[in-house]
Amino acid sequence: MGTLAACMITASLGMGALAQDLNQLKAGHYVIKEIGCTGGGSAASLTFDGRNLSGHYQVCRTDPISGTRFRSTCIESQGLDRRTIDQINADPDKTVIEQSIVVRSPNEVVVDGVVYGLCSQ
């Protein structure tokens, strides 16, 4: 029983550390570094709201799994029908993906091997 409790505590501490690493990223609009900030954005862009990393025309909830693995649960969100994080669970069309997210610095993040840089806050 003691070993199980120790494993559970270790796992929860590790997940907290990962969430903290993601929280070290500055909130703002990120674009693939290879494209750069003057290259527009669209599908090559992500938005970080200080807790969640969302793709273009999406709103996502980003949850740590283990190591550098995160689960993103996303719904479409664009135009006049802007959606919120609170609407994710109720949406039958939500998308769930697992991805590797590594924060290199407060202005740079690597998602599944693709490097994104901060363009605007």
PDB file of N, CA and C in Angstrom:
ATOM      1  N   MET A   1       0.822  -1.193   0.000  1.00  0.00           N
ATOM      2  CA  MET A   1       0.000   0.000   0.000  1.00  0.00           C
ATOM      3  C   MET A   1       0.864   1.254   0.000  1.00  0.00           C
ATOM      4  N   GLY A   2       1.973   1.227   0.766  1.00  0.00           N
ATOM      5  CA  GLY A   2       2.863   2.376   0.826  1.00  0.00           C
ATOM      6  C   GLY A   2       3.509   2.662  -0.518  1.00  0.00           C
ATOM      7  N   THR A   3       3.853   1.596  -1.253  1.00  0.00           N
ATOM      8  CA  THR A   3       4.466   1.775  -2.574  1.00  0.00           C
ATOM      9  C   THR A   3       3.484   2.413  -3.542  1.00  0.00           C
ATOM     10  N   LEU A   4       2.228   1.960  -3.498  1.00  0.00           N
ATOM     11  CA  LEU A   4       1.200   2.531  -4.367  1.00  0.00           C
ATOM     12  C   LEU A   4       1.015   4.018  -4.082  1.00  0.00           C
ATOM     13  N   ALA A   5       0.967   4.381  -2.809  1.00  0.00           N
ATOM     14  CA  ALA A   5       0.806   5.791  -2.442  1.00  0.00           C
ATOM     15  C   ALA A   5       1.998   6.603  -2.916  1.00  0.00           C
ATOM     16  N   ALA A   6       3.202   6.050  -2.784  1.00  0.00           N
ATOM     17  CA  ALA A   6       4.407   6.757  -3.226  1.00  0.00           C
ATOM     18  C   ALA A   6       4.380   6.961  -4.738  1.00  0.00           C
ATOM     19  N   CYS A   7       3.937   5.933  -5.473  1.00  0.00           N
ATOM     20  CA  CYS A   7       3.852   6.050  -6.937  1.00  0.00           C
ATOM     21  C   CYS A   7       2.836   7.121  -7.340  1.00  0.00           C
ATOM     22  N   MET A   8       1.701   7.149  -6.653  1.00  0.00           N
ATOM     23  CA  MET A   8       0.664   8.131  -6.973  1.00  0.00           C
ATOM     24  C   MET A   8       1.157   9.548  -6.677  1.00  0.00           C
ATOM     25  N   ILE A   9       1.861   9.715  -5.570  1.00  0.00           N
ATOM     26  CA  ILE A   9       2.400  11.037  -5.235  1.00  0.00           C
ATOM     27  C   ILE A   9       3.439  11.456  -6.255  1.00  0.00           C
ATOM     28  N   THR A  10       4.339  10.538  -6.634  1.00  0.00           N
ATOM     29  CA  THR A  10       5.366  10.836  -7.622  1.00  0.00           C
ATOM     30  C   THR A  10       4.738  11.214  -8.952  1.00  0.00           C
ATOM     31  N   ALA A  11       3.724  10.468  -9.371  1.00  0.00           N
ATOM     32  CA  ALA A  11       3.055  10.764 -10.640  1.00  0.00           C
ATOM     33  C   ALA A  11       2.406  12.136 -10.607  1.00  0.00           C
ATOM     34  N   SER A  12       1.726  12.470  -9.530  1.00  0.00           N
ATOM     35  CA  SER A  12       1.057  13.769  -9.463  1.00  0.00           C
ATOM     36  C   SER A  12       2.061  14.904  -9.395  1.00  0.00           C
ATOM     37  N   LEU A  13       3.202  14.682  -8.731  1.00  0.00           N
ATOM     38  CA  LEU A  13       4.234  15.728  -8.699  1.00  0.00           C
ATOM     39  C   LEU A  13       4.804  15.951 -10.091  1.00  0.00           C
ATOM     40  N   GLY A  14       5.028  14.876 -10.827  1.00  0.00           N
ATOM     41  CA  GLY A  14       5.555  15.000 -12.182  1.00  0.00           C
ATOM     42  C   GLY A  14       4.610  15.749 -13.084  1.00  0.00           C
ATOM     43  N   MET A  15       3.314  15.481 -12.973  1.00  0.00           N
ATOM     44  CA  MET A  15       2.339  16.165 -13.821  1.00  0.00           C
ATOM     45  C   MET A  15       2.258  17.632 -13.456  1.00  0.00           C
ATOM     46  N   GLY A  16       2.398  17.960 -12.189  1.00  0.00           N
ATOM     47  CA  GLY A  16       2.402  19.355 -11.781  1.00  0.00           C
ATOM     48  C   GLY A  16       3.593  20.095 -12.363  1.00  0.00           C
ATOM     49  N   ALA A  17       4.739  19.421 -12.404  1.00  0.00           N
ATOM     50  CA  ALA A  17       5.943  20.042 -12.963  1.00  0.00           C
ATOM     51  C   ALA A  17       5.756  20.309 -14.446  1.00  0.00           C
ATOM     52  N   LEU A  18       5.119  19.380 -15.163  1.00  0.00           N
ATOM     53  CA  LEU A  18       4.880  19.586 -16.591  1.00  0.00           C
ATOM     54  C   LEU A  18       3.953  20.762 -16.824  1.00  0.00           C
ATOM     55  N   ALA A  19       2.881  20.820 -16.058  1.00  0.00           N
ATOM     56  CA  ALA A  19       1.943  21.928 -16.205  1.00  0.00           C
ATOM     57  C   ALA A  19       2.656  23.249 -15.933  1.00  0.00           C
ATOM     58  N   GLN A  20       3.549  23.247 -14.949  1.00  0.00           N
ATOM     59  CA  GLN A  20       4.307  24.460 -14.648  1.00  0.00           C
ATOM     60  C   GLN A  20       5.193  24.846 -15.827  1.00  0.00           C
ATOM     61  N   ASP A  21       5.834  23.861 -16.469  1.00  0.00           N
ATOM     62  CA  ASP A  21       6.673  24.146 -17.632  1.00  0.00           C
ATOM     63  C   ASP A  21       5.858  24.810 -18.734  1.00  0.00           C
ATOM     64  N   LEU A  22       4.673  24.279 -19.023  1.00  0.00           N
ATOM     65  CA  LEU A  22       3.808  24.872 -20.044  1.00  0.00           C
ATOM     66  C   LEU A  22       3.395  26.278 -19.618  1.00  0.00           C
ATOM     67  N   ASN A  23       3.165  26.460 -18.334  1.00  0.00           N
ATOM     68  CA  ASN A  23       2.774  27.779 -17.829  1.00  0.00           C
ATOM     69  C   ASN A  23       3.895  28.806 -17.919  1.00  0.00           C
ATOM     70  N   GLN A  24       5.123  28.370 -18.138  1.00  0.00           N
ATOM     71  CA  GLN A  24       6.242  29.301 -18.304  1.00  0.00           C
ATOM     72  C   GLN A  24       6.242  29.948 -19.688  1.00  0.00           C
ATOM     73  N   LEU A  25       5.453  29.401 -20.600  1.00  0.00           N
ATOM     74  CA  LEU A  25       5.326  29.951 -21.944  1.00  0.00           C
ATOM     75  C   LEU A  25       4.508  31.242 -21.876  1.00  0.00           C
ATOM     76  N   LYS A  26       4.935  32.263 -22.601  1.00  0.00           N
ATOM     77  CA  LYS A  26       4.184  33.518 -22.634  1.00  0.00           C
ATOM     78  C   LYS A  26       2.894  33.339 -23.423  1.00  0.00           C
ATOM     79  N   ALA A  27       1.833  33.935 -22.933  1.00  0.00           N
ATOM     80  CA  ALA A  27       0.562  33.910 -23.659  1.00  0.00           C
ATOM     81  C   ALA A  27       0.712  34.711 -24.947  1.00  0.00           C
ATOM     82  N   GLY A  28       0.106  34.220 -26.013  1.00  0.00           N
ATOM     83  CA  GLY A  28       0.152  34.946 -27.270  1.00  0.00           C
ATOM     84  C   GLY A  28      -0.021  34.046 -28.477  1.00  0.00           C
ATOM     85  N   HIS A  29       0.327  34.607 -29.639  1.00  0.00           N
ATOM     86  CA  HIS A  29       0.160  33.968 -30.934  1.00  0.00           C
ATOM     87  C   HIS A  29       1.514  33.429 -31.394  1.00  0.00           C
ATOM     88  N   TYR A  30       1.577  32.141 -31.695  1.00  0.00           N
ATOM     89  CA  TYR A  30       2.814  31.475 -32.110  1.00  0.00           C
ATOM     90  C   TYR A  30       2.693  30.990 -33.544  1.00  0.00           C
ATOM     91  N   VAL A  31       3.793  31.128 -34.299  1.00  0.00           N
ATOM     92  CA  VAL A  31       3.828  30.692 -35.693  1.00  0.00           C
ATOM     93  C   VAL A  31       5.050  29.799 -35.864  1.00  0.00           C
ATOM     94  N   ILE A  32       4.959  28.834 -36.772  1.00  0.00           N
ATOM     95  CA  ILE A  32       6.100  27.962 -37.055  1.00  0.00           C
ATOM     96  C   ILE A  32       7.303  28.839 -37.382  1.00  0.00           C
ATOM     97  N   LYS A  33       8.409  28.615 -36.663  1.00  0.00           N
ATOM     98  CA  LYS A  33       9.599  29.471 -36.797  1.00  0.00           C
ATOM     99  C   LYS A  33      10.116  29.510 -38.226  1.00  0.00           C
ATOM    100  N   GLU A  34      10.033  28.400 -38.914  1.00  0.00           N
ATOM    101  CA  GLU A  34      10.504  28.322 -40.290  1.00  0.00           C
ATOM    102  C   GLU A  34       9.724  29.281 -41.200  1.00  0.00           C
ATOM    103  N   ILE A  35       8.470  29.530 -40.884  1.00  0.00           N
ATOM    104  CA  ILE A  35       7.625  30.445 -41.659  1.00  0.00           C
ATOM    105  C   ILE A  35       7.843  31.880 -41.196  1.00  0.00           C
ATOM    106  N   GLY A  36       7.936  32.075 -39.880  1.00  0.00           N
ATOM    107  CA  GLY A  36       8.178  33.401 -39.320  1.00  0.00           C
ATOM    108  C   GLY A  36       6.908  34.222 -39.165  1.00  0.00           C
ATOM    109  N   CYS A  37       7.043  35.288 -38.418  1.00  0.00           N
ATOM    110  CA  CYS A  37       5.888  36.135 -38.077  1.00  0.00           C
ATOM    111  C   CYS A  37       5.328  36.900 -39.270  1.00  0.00           C
ATOM    112  N   THR A  38       6.130  37.173 -40.270  1.00  0.00           N
ATOM    113  CA  THR A  38       5.631  37.908 -41.432  1.00  0.00           C
ATOM    114  C   THR A  38       4.971  36.983 -42.441  1.00  0.00           C
ATOM    115  N   GLY A  39       5.040  35.681 -42.197  1.00  0.00           N
ATOM    116  CA  GLY A  39       4.486  34.710 -43.130  1.00  0.00           C
ATOM    117  C   GLY A  39       3.012  34.447 -42.940  1.00  0.00           C
ATOM    118  N   GLY A  40       2.339  35.270 -42.183  1.00  0.00           N
ATOM    119  CA  GLY A  40       0.905  35.083 -41.973  1.00  0.00           C
ATOM    120  C   GLY A  40       0.640  34.260 -40.747  1.00  0.00           C
ATOM    121  N   GLY A  41       0.225  33.077 -40.928  1.00  0.00           N
ATOM    122  CA  GLY A  41      -0.089  32.227 -39.784  1.00  0.00           C
ATOM    123  C   GLY A  41      -1.002  31.120 -40.195  1.00  0.00           C
ATOM    124  N   SER A  42      -2.264  31.374 -40.168  1.00  0.00           N
ATOM    125  CA  SER A  42      -3.319  30.397 -40.475  1.00  0.00           C
ATOM    126  C   SER A  42      -3.012  29.036 -39.878  1.00  0.00           C
ATOM    127  N   ALA A  43      -2.999  27.994 -40.682  1.00  0.00           N
ATOM    128  CA  ALA A  43      -2.816  26.635 -40.169  1.00  0.00           C
ATOM    129  C   ALA A  43      -1.464  26.452 -39.503  1.00  0.00           C
ATOM    130  N   ALA A  44      -0.527  27.343 -39.760  1.00  0.00           N
ATOM    131  CA  ALA A  44       0.810  27.246 -39.171  1.00  0.00           C
ATOM    132  C   ALA A  44       0.900  27.975 -37.836  1.00  0.00           C
ATOM    133  N   SER A  45      -0.250  28.289 -37.239  1.00  0.00           N
ATOM    134  CA  SER A  45      -0.218  29.071 -36.003  1.00  0.00           C
ATOM    135  C   SER A  45      -0.933  28.387 -34.848  1.00  0.00           C
ATOM    136  N   LEU A  46      -0.527  28.769 -33.649  1.00  0.00           N
ATOM    137  CA  LEU A  46      -1.130  28.312 -32.401  1.00  0.00           C
ATOM    138  C   LEU A  46      -1.359  29.528 -31.516  1.00  0.00           C
ATOM    139  N   THR A  47      -2.307  29.431 -30.617  1.00  0.00           N
ATOM    140  CA  THR A  47      -2.534  30.479 -29.635  1.00  0.00           C
ATOM    141  C   THR A  47      -2.413  29.855 -28.255  1.00  0.00           C
ATOM    142  N   PHE A  48      -1.649  30.504 -27.368  1.00  0.00           N
ATOM    143  CA  PHE A  48      -1.519  30.051 -25.988  1.00  0.00           C
ATOM    144  C   PHE A  48      -2.167  31.087 -25.092  1.00  0.00           C
ATOM    145  N   ASP A  49      -3.162  30.666 -24.302  1.00  0.00           N
ATOM    146  CA  ASP A  49      -3.909  31.596 -23.457  1.00  0.00           C
ATOM    147  C   ASP A  49      -3.371  31.680 -22.027  1.00  0.00           C
ATOM    148  N   GLY A  50      -2.225  31.080 -21.788  1.00  0.00           N
ATOM    149  CA  GLY A  50      -1.650  31.050 -20.452  1.00  0.00           C
ATOM    150  C   GLY A  50      -1.814  29.695 -19.785  1.00  0.00           C
ATOM    151  N   ARG A  51      -2.664  28.847 -20.371  1.00  0.00           N
ATOM    152  CA  ARG A  51      -2.858  27.486 -19.864  1.00  0.00           C
ATOM    153  C   ARG A  51      -3.067  26.472 -20.986  1.00  0.00           C
ATOM    154  N   ASN A  52      -3.739  26.880 -22.054  1.00  0.00           N
ATOM    155  CA  ASN A  52      -4.119  25.971 -23.135  1.00  0.00           C
ATOM    156  C   ASN A  52      -3.525  26.415 -24.461  1.00  0.00           C
ATOM    157  N   LEU A  53      -3.109  25.439 -25.249  1.00  0.00           N
ATOM    158  CA  LEU A  53      -2.531  25.686 -26.561  1.00  0.00           C
ATOM    159  C   LEU A  53      -3.565  25.280 -27.609  1.00  0.00           C
ATOM    160  N   SER A  54      -4.010  26.234 -28.416  1.00  0.00           N
ATOM    161  CA  SER A  54      -5.079  25.987 -29.392  1.00  0.00           C
ATOM    162  C   SER A  54      -4.588  26.213 -30.809  1.00  0.00           C
ATOM    163  N   GLY A  55      -5.075  25.365 -31.725  1.00  0.00           N
ATOM    164  CA  GLY A  55      -4.763  25.523 -33.138  1.00  0.00           C
ATOM    165  C   GLY A  55      -5.585  26.622 -33.768  1.00  0.00           C
ATOM    166  N   HIS A  56      -5.281  26.919 -35.018  1.00  0.00           N
ATOM    167  CA  HIS A  56      -5.979  27.953 -35.777  1.00  0.00           C
ATOM    168  C   HIS A  56      -7.461  27.597 -35.882  1.00  0.00           C
ATOM    169  N   TYR A  57      -8.346  28.552 -35.596  1.00  0.00           N
ATOM    170  CA  TYR A  57      -9.797  28.373 -35.621  1.00  0.00           C
ATOM    171  C   TYR A  57     -10.276  27.286 -34.660  1.00  0.00           C
ATOM    172  N   GLN A  58      -9.557  27.108 -33.551  1.00  0.00           N
ATOM    173  CA  GLN A  58      -9.963  26.143 -32.534  1.00  0.00           C
ATOM    174  C   GLN A  58      -9.839  26.767 -31.160  1.00  0.00           C
ATOM    175  N   VAL A  59     -10.516  26.155 -30.201  1.00  0.00           N
ATOM    176  CA  VAL A  59     -10.268  26.418 -28.793  1.00  0.00           C
ATOM    177  C   VAL A  59     -10.035  25.035 -28.184  1.00  0.00           C
ATOM    178  N   CYS A  60      -8.931  24.909 -27.442  1.00  0.00           N
ATOM    179  CA  CYS A  60      -8.537  23.607 -26.909  1.00  0.00           C
ATOM    180  C   CYS A  60      -8.276  23.680 -25.413  1.00  0.00           C
ATOM    181  N   ARG A  61      -8.519  22.544 -24.758  1.00  0.00           N
ATOM    182  CA  ARG A  61      -8.106  22.363 -23.369  1.00  0.00           C
ATOM    183  C   ARG A  61      -6.895  21.443 -23.418  1.00  0.00           C
ATOM    184  N   THR A  62      -5.784  21.862 -22.814  1.00  0.00           N
ATOM    185  CA  THR A  62      -4.536  21.114 -22.863  1.00  0.00           C
ATOM    186  C   THR A  62      -4.238  20.548 -21.482  1.00  0.00           C
ATOM    187  N   ASP A  63      -4.209  19.215 -21.387  1.00  0.00           N
ATOM    188  CA  ASP A  63      -3.997  18.541 -20.109  1.00  0.00           C
ATOM    189  C   ASP A  63      -2.739  17.683 -20.163  1.00  0.00           C
ATOM    190  N   PRO A  64      -1.887  17.743 -19.122  1.00  0.00           N
ATOM    191  CA  PRO A  64      -0.693  16.899 -19.091  1.00  0.00           C
ATOM    192  C   PRO A  64      -1.066  15.430 -18.926  1.00  0.00           C
ATOM    193  N   ILE A  65      -0.318  14.545 -19.603  1.00  0.00           N
ATOM    194  CA  ILE A  65      -0.499  13.094 -19.443  1.00  0.00           C
ATOM    195  C   ILE A  65       0.694  12.565 -18.640  1.00  0.00           C
ATOM    196  N   SER A  66       1.879  12.580 -19.250  1.00  0.00           N
ATOM    197  CA  SER A  66       3.110  12.195 -18.556  1.00  0.00           C
ATOM    198  C   SER A  66       4.291  12.594 -19.427  1.00  0.00           C
ATOM    199  N   GLY A  67       5.431  12.823 -18.778  1.00  0.00           N
ATOM    200  CA  GLY A  67       6.598  13.260 -19.535  1.00  0.00           C
ATOM    201  C   GLY A  67       6.276  14.529 -20.300  1.00  0.00           C
ATOM    202  N   THR A  68       6.549  14.503 -21.597  1.00  0.00           N
ATOM    203  CA  THR A  68       6.233  15.659 -22.436  1.00  0.00           C
ATOM    204  C   THR A  68       4.914  15.465 -23.183  1.00  0.00           C
ATOM    205  N   ARG A  69       4.168  14.425 -22.832  1.00  0.00           N
ATOM    206  CA  ARG A  69       2.908  14.120 -23.512  1.00  0.00           C
ATOM    207  C   ARG A  69       1.749  14.896 -22.908  1.00  0.00           C
ATOM    208  N   PHE A  70       0.935  15.478 -23.790  1.00  0.00           N
ATOM    209  CA  PHE A  70      -0.250  16.235 -23.388  1.00  0.00           C
ATOM    210  C   PHE A  70      -1.433  15.768 -24.216  1.00  0.00           C
ATOM    211  N   ARG A  71      -2.620  15.920 -23.672  1.00  0.00           N
ATOM    212  CA  ARG A  71      -3.855  15.628 -24.398  1.00  0.00           C
ATOM    213  C   ARG A  71      -4.555  16.955 -24.648  1.00  0.00           C
ATOM    214  N   SER A  72      -4.862  17.212 -25.905  1.00  0.00           N
ATOM    215  CA  SER A  72      -5.614  18.416 -26.270  1.00  0.00           C
ATOM    216  C   SER A  72      -7.002  18.009 -26.736  1.00  0.00           C
ATOM    217  N   THR A  73      -8.008  18.583 -26.107  1.00  0.00           N
ATOM    218  CA  THR A  73      -9.397  18.358 -26.485  1.00  0.00           C
ATOM    219  C   THR A  73      -9.878  19.661 -27.099  1.00  0.00           C
ATOM    220  N   CYS A  74     -10.267  19.617 -28.388  1.00  0.00           N
ATOM    221  CA  CYS A  74     -10.502  20.841 -29.151  1.00  0.00           C
ATOM    222  C   CYS A  74     -11.872  20.856 -29.828  1.00  0.00           C
ATOM    223  N   ILE A  75     -12.388  22.080 -30.012  1.00  0.00           N
ATOM    224  CA  ILE A  75     -13.599  22.295 -30.800  1.00  0.00           C
ATOM    225  C   ILE A  75     -13.344  23.460 -31.760  1.00  0.00           C
ATOM    226  N   GLU A  76     -14.095  23.469 -32.837  1.00  0.00           N
ATOM    227  CA  GLU A  76     -13.990  24.568 -33.801  1.00  0.00           C
ATOM    228  C   GLU A  76     -14.472  25.859 -33.154  1.00  0.00           C
ATOM    229  N   SER A  77     -13.817  26.967 -33.484  1.00  0.00           N
ATOM    230  CA  SER A  77     -14.197  28.259 -32.908  1.00  0.00           C
ATOM    231  C   SER A  77     -13.721  29.370 -33.823  1.00  0.00           C
ATOM    232  N   GLN A  78     -14.651  29.954 -34.570  1.00  0.00           N
ATOM    233  CA  GLN A  78     -14.265  31.030 -35.477  1.00  0.00           C
ATOM    234  C   GLN A  78     -15.436  31.952 -35.773  1.00  0.00           C
ATOM    235  N   GLY A  79     -15.105  33.085 -36.330  1.00  0.00           N
ATOM    236  CA  GLY A  79     -16.119  34.037 -36.749  1.00  0.00           C
ATOM    237  C   GLY A  79     -17.016  34.514 -35.625  1.00  0.00           C
ATOM    238  N   LEU A  80     -18.289  34.688 -35.948  1.00  0.00           N
ATOM    239  CA  LEU A  80     -19.257  35.175 -34.965  1.00  0.00           C
ATOM    240  C   LEU A  80     -19.597  34.118 -33.916  1.00  0.00           C
ATOM    241  N   ASP A  81     -19.298  32.860 -34.221  1.00  0.00           N
ATOM    242  CA  ASP A  81     -19.617  31.761 -33.315  1.00  0.00           C
ATOM    243  C   ASP A  81     -18.384  31.352 -32.499  1.00  0.00           C
ATOM    244  N   ARG A  82     -17.716  32.340 -31.872  1.00  0.00           N
ATOM    245  CA  ARG A  82     -16.545  32.041 -31.050  1.00  0.00           C
ATOM    246  C   ARG A  82     -16.966  31.190 -29.874  1.00  0.00           C
ATOM    247  N   ARG A  83     -16.275  30.092 -29.659  1.00  0.00           N
ATOM    248  CA  ARG A  83     -16.583  29.159 -28.589  1.00  0.00           C
ATOM    249  C   ARG A  83     -15.630  29.388 -27.423  1.00  0.00           C
ATOM    250  N   THR A  84     -15.931  28.787 -26.287  1.00  0.00           N
ATOM    251  CA  THR A  84     -15.100  28.933 -25.102  1.00  0.00           C
ATOM    252  C   THR A  84     -14.682  27.564 -24.574  1.00  0.00           C
ATOM    253  N   ILE A  85     -13.688  27.563 -23.713  1.00  0.00           N
ATOM    254  CA  ILE A  85     -13.212  26.342 -23.069  1.00  0.00           C
ATOM    255  C   ILE A  85     -14.368  25.616 -22.379  1.00  0.00           C
ATOM    256  N   ASP A  86     -15.270  26.366 -21.775  1.00  0.00           N
ATOM    257  CA  ASP A  86     -16.391  25.765 -21.044  1.00  0.00           C
ATOM    258  C   ASP A  86     -17.326  24.952 -21.943  1.00  0.00           C
ATOM    259  N   GLN A  87     -17.296  25.175 -23.239  1.00  0.00           N
ATOM    260  CA  GLN A  87     -18.192  24.486 -24.160  1.00  0.00           C
ATOM    261  C   GLN A  87     -17.600  23.192 -24.715  1.00  0.00           C
ATOM    262  N   ILE A  88     -16.348  22.893 -24.400  1.00  0.00           N
ATOM    263  CA  ILE A  88     -15.682  21.726 -24.984  1.00  0.00           C
ATOM    264  C   ILE A  88     -16.387  20.421 -24.634  1.00  0.00           C
ATOM    265  N   ASN A  89     -16.638  20.168 -23.358  1.00  0.00           N
ATOM    266  CA  ASN A  89     -17.207  18.882 -22.946  1.00  0.00           C
ATOM    267  C   ASN A  89     -18.564  18.599 -23.570  1.00  0.00           C
ATOM    268  N   ALA A  90     -19.368  19.618 -23.801  1.00  0.00           N
ATOM    269  CA  ALA A  90     -20.714  19.432 -24.335  1.00  0.00           C
ATOM    270  C   ALA A  90     -20.743  19.233 -25.846  1.00  0.00           C
ATOM    271  N   ASP A  91     -19.648  19.507 -26.526  1.00  0.00           N
ATOM    272  CA  ASP A  91     -19.635  19.441 -27.989  1.00  0.00           C
ATOM    273  C   ASP A  91     -19.404  18.004 -28.463  1.00  0.00           C
ATOM    274  N   PRO A  92     -20.374  17.419 -29.183  1.00  0.00           N
ATOM    275  CA  PRO A  92     -20.209  16.038 -29.652  1.00  0.00           C
ATOM    276  C   PRO A  92     -19.151  15.914 -30.762  1.00  0.00           C
ATOM    277  N   ASP A  93     -18.762  17.027 -31.361  1.00  0.00           N
ATOM    278  CA  ASP A  93     -17.789  17.012 -32.454  1.00  0.00           C
ATOM    279  C   ASP A  93     -16.371  17.347 -32.005  1.00  0.00           C
ATOM    280  N   LYS A  94     -16.113  17.304 -30.698  1.00  0.00           N
ATOM    281  CA  LYS A  94     -14.776  17.647 -30.212  1.00  0.00           C
ATOM    282  C   LYS A  94     -13.752  16.640 -30.745  1.00  0.00           C
ATOM    283  N   THR A  95     -12.529  17.108 -30.867  1.00  0.00           N
ATOM    284  CA  THR A  95     -11.411  16.291 -31.318  1.00  0.00           C
ATOM    285  C   THR A  95     -10.444  16.139 -30.162  1.00  0.00           C
ATOM    286  N   VAL A  96      -9.942  14.925 -29.948  1.00  0.00           N
ATOM    287  CA  VAL A  96      -8.968  14.676 -28.890  1.00  0.00           C
ATOM    288  C   VAL A  96      -7.692  14.138 -29.532  1.00  0.00           C
ATOM    289  N   ILE A  97      -6.576  14.812 -29.257  1.00  0.00           N
ATOM    290  CA  ILE A  97      -5.291  14.346 -29.771  1.00  0.00           C
ATOM    291  C   ILE A  97      -4.275  14.317 -28.632  1.00  0.00           C
ATOM    292  N   GLU A  98      -3.291  13.445 -28.766  1.00  0.00           N
ATOM    293  CA  GLU A  98      -2.163  13.428 -27.842  1.00  0.00           C
ATOM    294  C   GLU A  98      -0.961  13.934 -28.612  1.00  0.00           C
ATOM    295  N   GLN A  99      -0.157  14.765 -27.935  1.00  0.00           N
ATOM    296  CA  GLN A  99       0.993  15.358 -28.607  1.00  0.00           C
ATOM    297  C   GLN A  99       2.117  15.609 -27.617  1.00  0.00           C
ATOM    298  N   SER A 100       3.305  15.733 -28.148  1.00  0.00           N
ATOM    299  CA  SER A 100       4.466  16.091 -27.348  1.00  0.00           C
ATOM    300  C   SER A 100       4.594  17.608 -27.367  1.00  0.00           C
ATOM    301  N   ILE A 101       4.713  18.214 -26.188  1.00  0.00           N
ATOM    302  CA  ILE A 101       4.889  19.665 -26.085  1.00  0.00           C
ATOM    303  C   ILE A 101       6.085  19.931 -25.187  1.00  0.00           C
ATOM    304  N   VAL A 102       7.079  20.644 -25.728  1.00  0.00           N
ATOM    305  CA  VAL A 102       8.286  20.989 -24.972  1.00  0.00           C
ATOM    306  C   VAL A 102       8.481  22.498 -25.045  1.00  0.00           C
ATOM    307  N   VAL A 103       8.522  23.150 -23.895  1.00  0.00           N
ATOM    308  CA  VAL A 103       8.763  24.592 -23.846  1.00  0.00           C
ATOM    309  C   VAL A 103      10.275  24.799 -23.814  1.00  0.00           C
ATOM    310  N   ARG A 104      10.815  25.432 -24.855  1.00  0.00           N
ATOM    311  CA  ARG A 104      12.254  25.706 -24.914  1.00  0.00           C
ATOM    312  C   ARG A 104      12.614  26.981 -24.167  1.00  0.00           C
ATOM    313  N   SER A 105      11.714  27.948 -24.231  1.00  0.00           N
ATOM    314  CA  SER A 105      11.914  29.240 -23.574  1.00  0.00           C
ATOM    315  C   SER A 105      10.538  29.880 -23.449  1.00  0.00           C
ATOM    316  N   PRO A 106      10.418  31.013 -22.766  1.00  0.00           N
ATOM    317  CA  PRO A 106       9.108  31.675 -22.669  1.00  0.00           C
ATOM    318  C   PRO A 106       8.540  32.097 -24.030  1.00  0.00           C
ATOM    319  N   ASN A 107       9.391  32.133 -25.075  1.00  0.00           N
ATOM    320  CA  ASN A 107       8.958  32.589 -26.404  1.00  0.00           C
ATOM    321  C   ASN A 107       8.984  31.486 -27.465  1.00  0.00           C
ATOM    322  N   GLU A 108       9.267  30.242 -27.061  1.00  0.00           N
ATOM    323  CA  GLU A 108       9.427  29.177 -28.054  1.00  0.00           C
ATOM    324  C   GLU A 108       8.926  27.845 -27.506  1.00  0.00           C
ATOM    325  N   VAL A 109       8.150  27.141 -28.329  1.00  0.00           N
ATOM    326  CA  VAL A 109       7.591  25.847 -27.940  1.00  0.00           C
ATOM    327  C   VAL A 109       7.728  24.878 -29.118  1.00  0.00           C
ATOM    328  N   VAL A 110       7.968  23.612 -28.800  1.00  0.00           N
ATOM    329  CA  VAL A 110       8.075  22.569 -29.814  1.00  0.00           C
ATOM    330  C   VAL A 110       6.884  21.635 -29.631  1.00  0.00           C
ATOM    331  N   VAL A 111       6.073  21.502 -30.680  1.00  0.00           N
ATOM    332  CA  VAL A 111       4.891  20.641 -30.644  1.00  0.00           C
ATOM    333  C   VAL A 111       5.082  19.549 -31.688  1.00  0.00           C
ATOM    334  N   ASP A 112       5.161  18.313 -31.217  1.00  0.00           N
ATOM    335  CA  ASP A 112       5.403  17.166 -32.097  1.00  0.00           C
ATOM    336  C   ASP A 112       6.564  17.420 -33.056  1.00  0.00           C
ATOM    337  N   GLY A 113       7.640  17.989 -32.529  1.00  0.00           N
ATOM    338  CA  GLY A 113       8.861  18.201 -33.308  1.00  0.00           C
ATOM    339  C   GLY A 113       8.883  19.468 -34.135  1.00  0.00           C
ATOM    340  N   VAL A 114       7.806  20.230 -34.178  1.00  0.00           N
ATOM    341  CA  VAL A 114       7.736  21.472 -34.948  1.00  0.00           C
ATOM    342  C   VAL A 114       7.939  22.648 -33.991  1.00  0.00           C
ATOM    343  N   VAL A 115       8.887  23.523 -34.347  1.00  0.00           N
ATOM    344  CA  VAL A 115       9.245  24.657 -33.487  1.00  0.00           C
ATOM    345  C   VAL A 115       8.374  25.864 -33.822  1.00  0.00           C
ATOM    346  N   TYR A 116       7.733  26.432 -32.785  1.00  0.00           N
ATOM    347  CA  TYR A 116       6.892  27.621 -32.917  1.00  0.00           C
ATOM    348  C   TYR A 116       7.508  28.753 -32.110  1.00  0.00           C
ATOM    349  N   GLY A 117       7.487  29.960 -32.667  1.00  0.00           N
ATOM    350  CA  GLY A 117       7.984  31.132 -31.959  1.00  0.00           C
ATOM    351  C   GLY A 117       6.873  32.145 -31.720  1.00  0.00           C
ATOM    352  N   LEU A 118       7.005  32.892 -30.611  1.00  0.00           N
ATOM    353  CA  LEU A 118       6.020  33.914 -30.261  1.00  0.00           C
ATOM    354  C   LEU A 118       6.086  35.061 -31.268  1.00  0.00           C
ATOM    355  N   CYS A 119       4.939  35.451 -31.784  1.00  0.00           N
ATOM    356  CA  CYS A 119       4.879  36.582 -32.713  1.00  0.00           C
ATOM    357  C   CYS A 119       4.186  37.792 -32.103  1.00  0.00           C
ATOM    358  N   SER A 120       3.163  37.579 -31.294  1.00  0.00           N
ATOM    359  CA  SER A 120       2.472  38.704 -30.657  1.00  0.00           C
ATOM    360  C   SER A 120       1.810  38.225 -29.382  1.00  0.00           C
ATOM    361  N   GLN A 121       1.659  39.170 -28.451  1.00  0.00           N
ATOM    362  CA  GLN A 121       1.022  38.838 -27.172  1.00  0.00           C
ATOM    363  C   GLN A 121      -0.353  39.459 -27.125  1.00  0.00           C
TER     364      GLN A 121
END
